[in-house]
Amino acid sequence: MFATSRRQQSAIGILPLLLLCALFLAQPALAIKFALDAYRYPSQKCIWNAAHPDALVIVTANVGPGEGQRLDIDIIDSSPQRNVYLSKKNISGEKRFAITAHSEGDVGVCFRNYLDAGIQPEQTRRNRVIDLDIDIGADAVDYNAIANQESLSGLETEMRKLEGIVKEIVDEMDYLKKREERFQLTNVSTGVRVQNFAWFMILSLVGLGAWQILHLRSFFKRKYLID
């Protein structure tokens, strides 16, 4: 009984330290609020965030009212495939979208605010206010729902959060390690190519010099300047 009590006190004492480490190492969620002007042919405004493959991305958009306007949203990524995860037209109010990243790169949440055809752009400048919240990885997991479903205590819930954050940090370190190995292979390959090119240049110069000597020798012999 005393051993169990000591273990609980030890876990409670370690918890603030783990929370402090997670605070410094974890990537915070992005929250941004902006006004998007409406045009007949609007340009796309995108908010980009880095995401690893299989990372959960939760996008919460709270769109303000806007008469005579139509707001469209697209969620894409910056990979060569240009994956389109979601495309919705005429969104309004509070909307919540969940996607899973397929490739390494940035995930972009893009908006277009269209002005209705019956409204002249010269009459008044119209816009809609968008309150955007983007959660990626461990920040996107609803631990309250998990706690209710699995009947977890407050301490167990916090430990589950820390477990998710630590896993995300380990995945980030693995990604950086693989990226470093790829850069090293690129550096070695580039060094070999530079070395081969240098030898080619040296051999080319030696061959060109030998040809010039033979050519000049033959020329001077024809002119009877040398034996």
C-alpha atoms as a PDB file:
ATOM      1  CA  MET A   1       0.000   0.000   0.000  1.00  0.00           C
ATOM      2  CA  PHE A   2       2.843   2.363   0.917  1.00  0.00           C
ATOM      3  CA  ALA A   3       4.692   1.379  -2.283  1.00  0.00           C
ATOM      4  CA  THR A   4       1.619   2.241  -4.369  1.00  0.00           C
ATOM      5  CA  SER A   5       1.335   5.603  -2.604  1.00  0.00           C
ATOM      6  CA  ARG A   6       5.006   6.339  -3.266  1.00  0.00           C
ATOM      7  CA  ARG A   7       4.606   5.457  -6.950  1.00  0.00           C
ATOM      8  CA  GLN A   8       1.605   7.782  -7.256  1.00  0.00           C
ATOM      9  CA  GLN A   9       3.495  10.614  -5.542  1.00  0.00           C
ATOM     10  CA  SER A  10       6.484   9.996  -7.814  1.00  0.00           C
ATOM     11  CA  ALA A  11       4.273  10.106 -10.904  1.00  0.00           C
ATOM     12  CA  ILE A  12       2.641  13.318  -9.697  1.00  0.00           C
ATOM     13  CA  GLY A  13       6.078  14.837  -9.058  1.00  0.00           C
ATOM     14  CA  ILE A  14       7.366  13.880 -12.538  1.00  0.00           C
ATOM     15  CA  LEU A  15       4.230  15.139 -14.308  1.00  0.00           C
ATOM     16  CA  PRO A  16       5.048  18.899 -14.075  1.00  0.00           C
ATOM     17  CA  LEU A  17       8.541  18.238 -15.437  1.00  0.00           C
ATOM     18  CA  LEU A  18       7.154  16.279 -18.384  1.00  0.00           C
ATOM     19  CA  LEU A  19       4.582  19.001 -19.041  1.00  0.00           C
ATOM     20  CA  LEU A  20       7.348  21.618 -19.035  1.00  0.00           C
ATOM     21  CA  CYS A  21       9.413  19.592 -21.527  1.00  0.00           C
ATOM     22  CA  ALA A  22       6.381  19.079 -23.754  1.00  0.00           C
ATOM     23  CA  LEU A  23       5.661  22.811 -23.628  1.00  0.00           C
ATOM     24  CA  PHE A  24       9.089  23.614 -25.056  1.00  0.00           C
ATOM     25  CA  LEU A  25       9.289  20.738 -27.541  1.00  0.00           C
ATOM     26  CA  ALA A  26       5.724  20.465 -28.836  1.00  0.00           C
ATOM     27  CA  GLN A  27       4.600  22.360 -31.891  1.00  0.00           C
ATOM     28  CA  PRO A  28       1.751  24.736 -30.977  1.00  0.00           C
ATOM     29  CA  ALA A  29      -1.525  24.792 -32.842  1.00  0.00           C
ATOM     30  CA  LEU A  30      -2.157  27.616 -35.268  1.00  0.00           C
ATOM     31  CA  ALA A  31      -5.004  30.070 -34.667  1.00  0.00           C
ATOM     32  CA  ILE A  32      -5.499  33.052 -36.954  1.00  0.00           C
ATOM     33  CA  LYS A  33      -8.280  35.553 -37.604  1.00  0.00           C
ATOM     34  CA  PHE A  34      -8.480  37.617 -40.782  1.00  0.00           C
ATOM     35  CA  ALA A  35     -10.882  39.359 -43.159  1.00  0.00           C
ATOM     36  CA  LEU A  36     -11.108  38.083 -46.741  1.00  0.00           C
ATOM     37  CA  ASP A  37     -12.315  40.520 -49.394  1.00  0.00           C
ATOM     38  CA  ALA A  38     -14.912  39.386 -51.921  1.00  0.00           C
ATOM     39  CA  TYR A  39     -14.311  39.681 -55.679  1.00  0.00           C
ATOM     40  CA  ARG A  40     -16.023  38.470 -58.818  1.00  0.00           C
ATOM     41  CA  TYR A  41     -12.887  36.449 -59.652  1.00  0.00           C
ATOM     42  CA  PRO A  42     -11.025  36.188 -56.339  1.00  0.00           C
ATOM     43  CA  SER A  43      -7.508  34.921 -55.836  1.00  0.00           C
ATOM     44  CA  GLN A  44      -6.829  32.081 -53.439  1.00  0.00           C
ATOM     45  CA  LYS A  45      -5.595  32.800 -49.912  1.00  0.00           C
ATOM     46  CA  CYS A  46      -3.809  29.836 -48.300  1.00  0.00           C
ATOM     47  CA  ILE A  47      -2.521  29.161 -44.795  1.00  0.00           C
ATOM     48  CA  TRP A  48       0.299  26.578 -44.848  1.00  0.00           C
ATOM     49  CA  ASN A  49       1.489  24.279 -42.065  1.00  0.00           C
ATOM     50  CA  ALA A  50       4.082  21.494 -42.067  1.00  0.00           C
ATOM     51  CA  ALA A  51       2.706  17.961 -41.603  1.00  0.00           C
ATOM     52  CA  HIS A  52       4.238  14.505 -41.749  1.00  0.00           C
ATOM     53  CA  PRO A  53       2.640  11.494 -43.498  1.00  0.00           C
ATOM     54  CA  ASP A  54      -0.315   9.950 -41.615  1.00  0.00           C
ATOM     55  CA  ALA A  55      -0.565  13.032 -39.372  1.00  0.00           C
ATOM     56  CA  LEU A  56      -4.087  13.960 -38.276  1.00  0.00           C
ATOM     57  CA  VAL A  57      -5.062  17.523 -39.217  1.00  0.00           C
ATOM     58  CA  ILE A  58      -8.153  19.172 -37.710  1.00  0.00           C
ATOM     59  CA  VAL A  59      -9.315  22.417 -39.329  1.00  0.00           C
ATOM     60  CA  THR A  60     -11.924  24.518 -37.532  1.00  0.00           C
ATOM     61  CA  ALA A  61     -13.203  27.524 -39.468  1.00  0.00           C
ATOM     62  CA  ASN A  62     -15.662  29.995 -37.981  1.00  0.00           C
ATOM     63  CA  VAL A  63     -16.929  32.102 -40.900  1.00  0.00           C
ATOM     64  CA  GLY A  64     -18.705  35.372 -40.188  1.00  0.00           C
ATOM     65  CA  PRO A  65     -21.813  36.537 -42.047  1.00  0.00           C
ATOM     66  CA  GLY A  66     -21.491  38.093 -45.489  1.00  0.00           C
ATOM     67  CA  GLU A  67     -24.416  39.098 -47.680  1.00  0.00           C
ATOM     68  CA  GLY A  68     -23.954  38.516 -51.382  1.00  0.00           C
ATOM     69  CA  GLN A  69     -20.798  36.448 -50.879  1.00  0.00           C
ATOM     70  CA  ARG A  70     -19.874  32.793 -51.318  1.00  0.00           C
ATOM     71  CA  LEU A  71     -16.887  31.364 -49.460  1.00  0.00           C
ATOM     72  CA  ASP A  72     -15.217  28.190 -50.739  1.00  0.00           C
ATOM     73  CA  ILE A  73     -12.561  26.155 -48.929  1.00  0.00           C
ATOM     74  CA  ASP A  74      -9.970  23.712 -50.262  1.00  0.00           C
ATOM     75  CA  ILE A  75      -7.414  21.681 -48.287  1.00  0.00           C
ATOM     76  CA  ILE A  76      -4.388  20.696 -50.356  1.00  0.00           C
ATOM     77  CA  ASP A  77      -0.727  19.873 -49.866  1.00  0.00           C
ATOM     78  CA  SER A  78       2.561  20.975 -51.428  1.00  0.00           C
ATOM     79  CA  SER A  79       3.657  17.518 -52.590  1.00  0.00           C
ATOM     80  CA  PRO A  80       4.419  16.915 -56.302  1.00  0.00           C
ATOM     81  CA  GLN A  81       1.062  15.102 -56.540  1.00  0.00           C
ATOM     82  CA  ARG A  82      -0.776  18.213 -55.243  1.00  0.00           C
ATOM     83  CA  ASN A  83      -3.239  16.097 -53.254  1.00  0.00           C
ATOM     84  CA  VAL A  84      -6.662  17.656 -52.700  1.00  0.00           C
ATOM     85  CA  TYR A  85      -8.079  16.407 -49.394  1.00  0.00           C
ATOM     86  CA  LEU A  86     -11.247  18.445 -49.275  1.00  0.00           C
ATOM     87  CA  SER A  87     -13.210  20.925 -51.391  1.00  0.00           C
ATOM     88  CA  LYS A  88     -16.349  22.618 -50.068  1.00  0.00           C
ATOM     89  CA  LYS A  89     -18.397  25.439 -51.525  1.00  0.00           C
ATOM     90  CA  ASN A  90     -20.447  28.108 -49.770  1.00  0.00           C
ATOM     91  CA  ILE A  91     -19.457  27.396 -46.184  1.00  0.00           C
ATOM     92  CA  SER A  92     -20.737  29.547 -43.341  1.00  0.00           C
ATOM     93  CA  GLY A  93     -20.837  29.485 -39.564  1.00  0.00           C
ATOM     94  CA  GLU A  94     -18.556  27.121 -37.660  1.00  0.00           C
ATOM     95  CA  LYS A  95     -17.253  24.181 -39.678  1.00  0.00           C
ATOM     96  CA  ARG A  96     -14.868  21.421 -38.598  1.00  0.00           C
ATOM     97  CA  PHE A  97     -12.913  19.274 -41.026  1.00  0.00           C
ATOM     98  CA  ALA A  98     -10.576  16.338 -40.353  1.00  0.00           C
ATOM     99  CA  ILE A  99      -8.032  14.941 -42.824  1.00  0.00           C
ATOM    100  CA  THR A 100      -4.974  12.677 -42.722  1.00  0.00           C
ATOM    101  CA  ALA A 101      -1.847  13.842 -44.539  1.00  0.00           C
ATOM    102  CA  HIS A 102      -0.667  11.449 -47.257  1.00  0.00           C
ATOM    103  CA  SER A 103       2.823  12.766 -47.978  1.00  0.00           C
ATOM    104  CA  GLU A 104       5.653  14.809 -46.529  1.00  0.00           C
ATOM    105  CA  GLY A 105       5.235  18.538 -47.014  1.00  0.00           C
ATOM    106  CA  ASP A 106       2.988  21.441 -46.115  1.00  0.00           C
ATOM    107  CA  VAL A 107      -0.789  21.246 -45.810  1.00  0.00           C
ATOM    108  CA  GLY A 108      -2.596  24.339 -47.046  1.00  0.00           C
ATOM    109  CA  VAL A 109      -6.052  25.566 -46.067  1.00  0.00           C
ATOM    110  CA  CYS A 110      -7.191  27.790 -48.942  1.00  0.00           C
ATOM    111  CA  PHE A 111     -10.154  30.168 -49.221  1.00  0.00           C
ATOM    112  CA  ARG A 112     -11.852  32.023 -52.080  1.00  0.00           C
ATOM    113  CA  ASN A 113     -14.535  34.638 -51.403  1.00  0.00           C
ATOM    114  CA  TYR A 114     -16.783  35.144 -54.431  1.00  0.00           C
ATOM    115  CA  LEU A 115     -18.969  38.168 -54.955  1.00  0.00           C
ATOM    116  CA  ASP A 116     -22.445  37.367 -56.291  1.00  0.00           C
ATOM    117  CA  ALA A 117     -23.123  38.233 -59.919  1.00  0.00           C
ATOM    118  CA  GLY A 118     -25.950  40.620 -59.062  1.00  0.00           C
ATOM    119  CA  ILE A 119     -23.703  42.912 -56.993  1.00  0.00           C
ATOM    120  CA  GLN A 120     -21.480  45.513 -58.590  1.00  0.00           C
ATOM    121  CA  PRO A 121     -17.951  45.574 -57.121  1.00  0.00           C
ATOM    122  CA  GLU A 122     -17.946  49.379 -57.287  1.00  0.00           C
ATOM    123  CA  GLN A 123     -20.930  49.683 -54.933  1.00  0.00           C
ATOM    124  CA  THR A 124     -19.185  48.687 -51.701  1.00  0.00           C
ATOM    125  CA  ARG A 125     -16.214  46.676 -50.571  1.00  0.00           C
ATOM    126  CA  ARG A 126     -17.381  43.482 -48.911  1.00  0.00           C
ATOM    127  CA  ASN A 127     -15.503  40.894 -46.884  1.00  0.00           C
ATOM    128  CA  ARG A 128     -16.020  38.046 -44.473  1.00  0.00           C
ATOM    129  CA  VAL A 129     -14.185  37.496 -41.208  1.00  0.00           C
ATOM    130  CA  ILE A 130     -12.668  34.021 -40.800  1.00  0.00           C
ATOM    131  CA  ASP A 131     -11.510  32.643 -37.456  1.00  0.00           C
ATOM    132  CA  LEU A 132      -9.267  29.696 -38.358  1.00  0.00           C
ATOM    133  CA  ASP A 133      -7.853  27.089 -35.977  1.00  0.00           C
ATOM    134  CA  ILE A 134      -5.552  24.317 -37.248  1.00  0.00           C
ATOM    135  CA  ASP A 135      -4.446  21.420 -35.023  1.00  0.00           C
ATOM    136  CA  ILE A 136      -1.871  18.898 -36.265  1.00  0.00           C
ATOM    137  CA  GLY A 137      -0.676  15.623 -34.780  1.00  0.00           C
ATOM    138  CA  ALA A 138      -1.067  15.207 -31.031  1.00  0.00           C
ATOM    139  CA  ASP A 139      -2.824  18.597 -30.759  1.00  0.00           C
ATOM    140  CA  ALA A 140      -5.612  17.314 -33.019  1.00  0.00           C
ATOM    141  CA  VAL A 141      -6.538  14.371 -30.764  1.00  0.00           C
ATOM    142  CA  ASP A 142      -9.594  14.871 -28.561  1.00  0.00           C
ATOM    143  CA  TYR A 143      -8.282  13.468 -25.289  1.00  0.00           C
ATOM    144  CA  ASN A 144     -11.443  14.428 -23.396  1.00  0.00           C
ATOM    145  CA  ALA A 145     -13.453  12.077 -25.597  1.00  0.00           C
ATOM    146  CA  ILE A 146     -10.845   9.342 -25.095  1.00  0.00           C
ATOM    147  CA  ALA A 147     -10.953   9.885 -21.331  1.00  0.00           C
ATOM    148  CA  ASN A 148     -14.756   9.582 -21.285  1.00  0.00           C
ATOM    149  CA  GLN A 149     -14.698   6.506 -23.500  1.00  0.00           C
ATOM    150  CA  GLU A 150     -11.969   4.670 -21.556  1.00  0.00           C
ATOM    151  CA  SER A 151     -12.882   6.087 -18.109  1.00  0.00           C
ATOM    152  CA  LEU A 152      -9.442   7.605 -17.571  1.00  0.00           C
ATOM    153  CA  SER A 153      -8.536   9.724 -14.576  1.00  0.00           C
ATOM    154  CA  GLY A 154      -7.113  13.228 -14.929  1.00  0.00           C
ATOM    155  CA  LEU A 155      -3.555  11.979 -14.375  1.00  0.00           C
ATOM    156  CA  GLU A 156      -3.980   9.162 -16.905  1.00  0.00           C
ATOM    157  CA  THR A 157      -5.378  11.623 -19.442  1.00  0.00           C
ATOM    158  CA  GLU A 158      -2.376  13.922 -19.014  1.00  0.00           C
ATOM    159  CA  MET A 159      -0.034  10.960 -19.365  1.00  0.00           C
ATOM    160  CA  ARG A 160      -1.843   9.944 -22.560  1.00  0.00           C
ATOM    161  CA  LYS A 161      -1.352  13.478 -23.897  1.00  0.00           C
ATOM    162  CA  LEU A 162       2.351  13.352 -23.044  1.00  0.00           C
ATOM    163  CA  GLU A 163       2.609   9.971 -24.741  1.00  0.00           C
ATOM    164  CA  GLY A 164       1.191  11.421 -27.940  1.00  0.00           C
ATOM    165  CA  ILE A 165       3.494  14.449 -27.783  1.00  0.00           C
ATOM    166  CA  VAL A 166       6.568  12.289 -27.131  1.00  0.00           C
ATOM    167  CA  LYS A 167       5.635  10.027 -30.053  1.00  0.00           C
ATOM    168  CA  GLU A 168       5.314  13.074 -32.265  1.00  0.00           C
ATOM    169  CA  ILE A 169       8.750  14.302 -31.142  1.00  0.00           C
ATOM    170  CA  VAL A 170      10.291  10.864 -31.809  1.00  0.00           C
ATOM    171  CA  ASP A 171       8.710  10.808 -35.284  1.00  0.00           C
ATOM    172  CA  GLU A 172      10.122  14.286 -35.923  1.00  0.00           C
ATOM    173  CA  MET A 173      13.600  13.142 -34.854  1.00  0.00           C
ATOM    174  CA  ASP A 174      13.348  10.076 -37.114  1.00  0.00           C
ATOM    175  CA  TYR A 175      12.342  12.323 -40.000  1.00  0.00           C
ATOM    176  CA  LEU A 176      15.283  14.650 -39.348  1.00  0.00           C
ATOM    177  CA  LYS A 177      17.631  11.656 -39.159  1.00  0.00           C
ATOM    178  CA  LYS A 178      16.409  10.308 -42.499  1.00  0.00           C
ATOM    179  CA  ARG A 179      16.692  13.764 -44.003  1.00  0.00           C
ATOM    180  CA  GLU A 180      20.269  14.087 -42.715  1.00  0.00           C
ATOM    181  CA  GLU A 181      21.152  10.690 -44.214  1.00  0.00           C
ATOM    182  CA  ARG A 182      19.661  11.768 -47.537  1.00  0.00           C
ATOM    183  CA  PHE A 183      21.690  14.990 -47.461  1.00  0.00           C
ATOM    184  CA  GLN A 184      24.851  13.023 -46.679  1.00  0.00           C
ATOM    185  CA  LEU A 185      24.239  10.722 -49.635  1.00  0.00           C
ATOM    186  CA  THR A 186      23.673  13.774 -51.816  1.00  0.00           C
ATOM    187  CA  ASN A 187      26.914  15.345 -50.585  1.00  0.00           C
ATOM    188  CA  VAL A 188      28.881  12.143 -51.251  1.00  0.00           C
ATOM    189  CA  SER A 189      27.364  11.791 -54.713  1.00  0.00           C
ATOM    190  CA  THR A 190      28.091  15.452 -55.501  1.00  0.00           C
ATOM    191  CA  GLY A 191      31.691  15.063 -54.259  1.00  0.00           C
ATOM    192  CA  VAL A 192      32.238  12.018 -56.489  1.00  0.00           C
ATOM    193  CA  ARG A 193      30.851  13.879 -59.499  1.00  0.00           C
ATOM    194  CA  VAL A 194      33.056  16.910 -58.824  1.00  0.00           C
ATOM    195  CA  GLN A 195      36.094  14.660 -58.454  1.00  0.00           C
ATOM    196  CA  ASN A 196      35.318  12.831 -61.705  1.00  0.00           C
ATOM    197  CA  PHE A 197      34.816  16.132 -63.503  1.00  0.00           C
ATOM    198  CA  ALA A 198      38.169  17.409 -62.140  1.00  0.00           C
ATOM    199  CA  TRP A 199      39.981  14.302 -63.405  1.00  0.00           C
ATOM    200  CA  PHE A 200      38.252  14.669 -66.769  1.00  0.00           C
ATOM    201  CA  MET A 201      39.422  18.267 -67.010  1.00  0.00           C
ATOM    202  CA  ILE A 202      42.998  17.313 -66.062  1.00  0.00           C
ATOM    203  CA  LEU A 203      43.139  14.491 -68.615  1.00  0.00           C
ATOM    204  CA  SER A 204      41.565  16.743 -71.240  1.00  0.00           C
ATOM    205  CA  LEU A 205      44.192  19.452 -70.632  1.00  0.00           C
ATOM    206  CA  VAL A 206      47.042  16.892 -70.741  1.00  0.00           C
ATOM    207  CA  GLY A 207      45.681  15.420 -73.967  1.00  0.00           C
ATOM    208  CA  LEU A 208      45.194  18.860 -75.506  1.00  0.00           C
ATOM    209  CA  GLY A 209      48.763  19.848 -74.533  1.00  0.00           C
ATOM    210  CA  ALA A 210      50.209  16.655 -76.036  1.00  0.00           C
ATOM    211  CA  TRP A 211      48.254  17.217 -79.257  1.00  0.00           C
ATOM    212  CA  GLN A 212      49.485  20.815 -79.497  1.00  0.00           C
ATOM    213  CA  ILE A 213      53.117  19.695 -79.037  1.00  0.00           C
ATOM    214  CA  LEU A 214      52.785  17.035 -81.732  1.00  0.00           C
ATOM    215  CA  HIS A 215      51.021  19.441 -84.071  1.00  0.00           C
ATOM    216  CA  LEU A 216      53.667  22.150 -83.614  1.00  0.00           C
ATOM    217  CA  ARG A 217      56.471  19.604 -84.071  1.00  0.00           C
ATOM    218  CA  SER A 218      54.924  18.415 -87.317  1.00  0.00           C
ATOM    219  CA  PHE A 219      54.459  22.017 -88.481  1.00  0.00           C
ATOM    220  CA  PHE A 220      58.061  22.975 -87.771  1.00  0.00           C
ATOM    221  CA  LYS A 221      59.305  19.836 -89.564  1.00  0.00           C
ATOM    222  CA  ARG A 222      57.332  20.776 -92.651  1.00  0.00           C
ATOM    223  CA  LYS A 223      58.927  24.225 -92.550  1.00  0.00           C
ATOM    224  CA  TYR A 224      62.379  22.669 -92.081  1.00  0.00           C
ATOM    225  CA  LEU A 225      62.844  24.611 -88.858  1.00  0.00           C
ATOM    226  CA  ILE A 226      63.758  21.486 -86.887  1.00  0.00           C
ATOM    227  CA  ASP A 227      65.122  18.066 -87.786  1.00  0.00           C
END
